[in-house]
Every structure is written in structure tokens, then in C-alpha cells.
Amino acid sequence: MSTEQNKATANRIPAEFSKGNVNILDQVADPKGIDHAVPPGMPNTLESTKKFMSAPIAAFPDLTYKIEDTIAEGNLVTQRVTASGTMKGEFSGMKPSGKKATWSEMHILRFANGKIVEHWANVDQMGMLAQLGFAQAPGA
């Protein structure tokens, strides 16, 4: 696949997650792919990724992702996205706060044969938790 096709595939994921559709991963990811961004203790498999992503989608029913940048070279695609949503359900053991939060995420995807075979991520979890009232913002 071309770099532009890989970018188009990567851009489908935030749009579908915003609709609550984690099953998009079945279409765009290799079932034997590796996700380096799942929490400790979870296998780094496609099924773990789907399970992990189902939690924020359930906790934040209005969860939306906005793609800020998509940059690609060769078989790698990097995305900077902004996520936002109102916490109306339990998330990672935390009771619903009813508060809205906005946070940034960075994702790197490696493609082979048109499918995602590796994923890395960096998510501003501290910023999200501070906005929800579960953590103190640095310097506050």
C-alpha cells in the first residue's frame, strides 16, 4: 500500500471511535499485530486493544476524536489527535464525575500489506484525570 493509503486507513480509526465503533480495528489491523499501548497486564493483542478502547467509549458516551495532524513516511503513520468527552460512566474504577475533559493523544502506526501491525501511543492521562477531578494538575 502507498503512504497515502496508509494515512487514509489511519484516519478512519478516530472517526469510527467517535461513533463508538471499535470493530473498525477488525478491518484495518492485522489480527496478529502488536499494540504497545495497552495497559500493563493485558496481552498486546488486537482483542485487548478493542477491549481497552471499549472502556472510554462506554464511560464517555459523547467521546469524540479530532485529528490535528497525520504525518506519514514509508510504512509509518503518526497522528496527533484531540479527544474530548463527558464522563457519565465508570472508567478504570472511577465513578462517573459528570465532567467534560479534553486531552491530547499521539499515535504511531506501522503498516505491512495495508494493515496495522504495530501501534504505540502517548496519552495525556494526567490532564484528563485533573479535568475530571481525580488528580491534581501539576503546579496546582
Protein backbone atom coordinates (compact mmCIF):
# COMPACT_ATOMS: atom_id res chain seq x y z
CA MET A 1 0.00 0.00 0.00
CA SER A 2 1.08 3.56 -0.55
CA THR A 3 1.84 6.06 2.18
CA GLU A 4 -1.33 7.96 1.26
CA GLN A 5 -3.42 4.79 1.56
CA ASN A 6 -1.89 4.10 4.99
CA LYS A 7 -2.77 7.66 6.08
CA ALA A 8 -6.35 7.22 4.87
CA THR A 9 -6.63 3.93 6.78
CA ALA A 10 -5.22 5.52 9.95
CA ASN A 11 -7.65 8.44 9.66
CA ARG A 12 -10.62 6.06 9.68
CA ILE A 13 -9.89 4.97 13.25
CA PRO A 14 -10.58 8.23 15.16
CA ALA A 15 -13.71 8.82 13.07
CA GLU A 16 -15.06 5.35 13.88
CA PHE A 17 -14.06 5.52 17.56
CA SER A 18 -16.07 8.77 17.73
CA LYS A 19 -19.07 6.70 16.60
CA GLY A 20 -18.34 4.07 19.26
CA ASN A 21 -17.14 1.54 16.71
CA VAL A 22 -14.10 -0.39 17.97
CA ASN A 23 -14.76 -3.10 15.39
CA ILE A 24 -13.13 -0.87 12.77
CA LEU A 25 -9.92 -2.45 14.05
CA ASP A 26 -11.01 -5.78 12.55
CA GLN A 27 -10.89 -4.12 9.12
CA VAL A 28 -7.67 -2.10 9.43
CA ALA A 29 -5.41 -4.09 11.78
CA ASP A 30 -3.63 -7.39 11.32
CA PRO A 31 -5.10 -9.90 13.81
CA LYS A 32 -1.53 -10.81 14.80
CA GLY A 33 -0.50 -7.17 15.23
CA ILE A 34 1.13 -5.84 18.40
CA ASP A 35 -0.25 -2.97 20.47
CA HIS A 36 2.42 -1.47 22.71
CA ALA A 37 -0.11 0.92 24.28
CA VAL A 38 -2.45 -1.44 26.15
CA PRO A 39 -2.24 -1.26 29.95
CA PRO A 40 0.20 -3.46 31.88
CA GLY A 41 -1.15 -6.93 32.47
CA MET A 42 -3.11 -7.05 29.19
CA PRO A 43 -1.71 -9.02 26.26
CA ASN A 44 -0.68 -6.66 23.45
CA THR A 45 -3.19 -8.15 21.00
CA LEU A 46 -5.94 -6.77 18.78
CA GLU A 47 -8.60 -8.17 21.10
CA SER A 48 -7.00 -6.39 24.07
CA THR A 49 -6.99 -3.13 22.12
CA LYS A 50 -10.69 -3.49 21.33
CA LYS A 51 -11.49 -4.30 24.96
CA PHE A 52 -9.34 -1.42 26.23
CA MET A 53 -10.90 1.10 23.83
CA SER A 54 -14.43 -0.05 24.69
CA ALA A 55 -13.97 1.30 28.24
CA PRO A 56 -13.59 5.02 27.42
CA ILE A 57 -16.25 4.75 24.72
CA ALA A 58 -18.67 3.39 27.35
CA ALA A 59 -17.62 5.88 30.06
CA PHE A 60 -17.71 8.91 27.75
CA PRO A 61 -20.81 8.42 25.56
CA ASP A 62 -20.11 11.68 23.72
CA LEU A 63 -16.42 10.82 23.15
CA THR A 64 -15.06 12.45 20.02
CA TYR A 65 -11.67 12.42 18.40
CA LYS A 66 -10.42 15.25 16.21
CA ILE A 67 -7.41 14.61 14.01
CA GLU A 68 -4.99 17.51 14.36
CA ASP A 69 -2.14 16.11 12.25
CA THR A 70 -1.39 12.99 10.26
CA ILE A 71 2.19 12.56 9.11
CA ALA A 72 3.49 9.55 7.21
CA GLU A 73 6.76 8.28 5.85
CA GLY A 74 7.28 4.85 4.41
CA ASN A 75 5.27 2.32 6.40
CA LEU A 76 4.81 4.56 9.48
CA VAL A 77 1.91 6.92 10.19
CA THR A 78 1.89 9.32 13.13
CA GLN A 79 -1.25 11.07 14.33
CA ARG A 80 -1.85 13.84 16.83
CA VAL A 81 -5.46 13.83 17.96
CA THR A 82 -7.56 15.69 20.49
CA ALA A 83 -10.12 13.64 22.41
CA SER A 84 -12.98 15.02 24.45
CA GLY A 85 -15.98 13.69 26.27
CA THR A 86 -18.18 13.86 29.34
CA MET A 87 -17.62 11.13 31.92
CA LYS A 88 -21.05 9.62 32.50
CA GLY A 89 -19.96 6.05 33.22
CA GLU A 90 -17.37 4.26 35.33
CA PHE A 91 -13.85 4.38 33.93
CA SER A 92 -10.85 2.45 35.26
CA GLY A 93 -12.55 2.03 38.63
CA MET A 94 -13.50 5.70 38.93
CA LYS A 95 -17.13 6.65 39.42
CA PRO A 96 -18.71 8.97 36.85
CA SER A 97 -17.79 12.60 37.52
CA GLY A 98 -20.23 14.15 35.06
CA LYS A 99 -17.40 16.48 33.99
CA LYS A 100 -16.15 17.10 30.48
CA ALA A 101 -12.47 16.67 29.67
CA THR A 102 -10.30 17.33 26.64
CA TRP A 103 -6.90 15.66 26.21
CA SER A 104 -4.27 15.06 23.57
CA GLU A 105 -3.04 11.78 22.17
CA MET A 106 -0.16 10.81 19.88
CA HIS A 107 -0.25 7.56 17.92
CA ILE A 108 2.35 5.82 15.77
CA LEU A 109 1.18 3.04 13.49
CA ARG A 110 3.35 0.66 11.48
CA PHE A 111 1.77 -0.88 8.40
CA ALA A 112 2.50 -4.04 6.43
CA ASN A 113 0.43 -5.21 3.47
CA GLY A 114 -2.15 -2.48 4.07
CA LYS A 115 -2.82 -3.46 7.71
CA ILE A 116 -1.66 -2.04 11.01
CA VAL A 117 0.87 -4.43 12.53
CA GLU A 118 2.18 -2.26 15.40
CA HIS A 119 0.83 0.62 17.48
CA TRP A 120 2.42 2.94 20.06
CA ALA A 121 0.63 5.76 21.90
CA ASN A 122 1.19 8.59 24.34
CA VAL A 123 -1.98 9.90 26.02
CA ASP A 124 -2.26 12.89 28.36
CA GLN A 125 -3.96 10.85 31.07
CA MET A 126 -2.89 13.23 33.86
CA GLY A 127 -4.52 16.16 32.08
CA MET A 128 -7.70 14.16 31.57
CA LEU A 129 -7.81 12.99 35.22
CA ALA A 130 -7.21 16.54 36.51
CA GLN A 131 -10.11 17.89 34.45
CA LEU A 132 -12.35 15.10 35.73
CA GLY A 133 -11.42 15.87 39.35
CA PHE A 134 -9.47 12.67 40.04
CA ALA A 135 -5.96 14.17 40.10
CA GLN A 136 -4.38 17.49 40.89
CA ALA A 137 -2.92 19.35 37.95
CA PRO A 138 0.85 19.81 38.18
CA GLY A 139 1.68 23.10 39.88
CA ALA A 140 -1.85 23.49 41.27
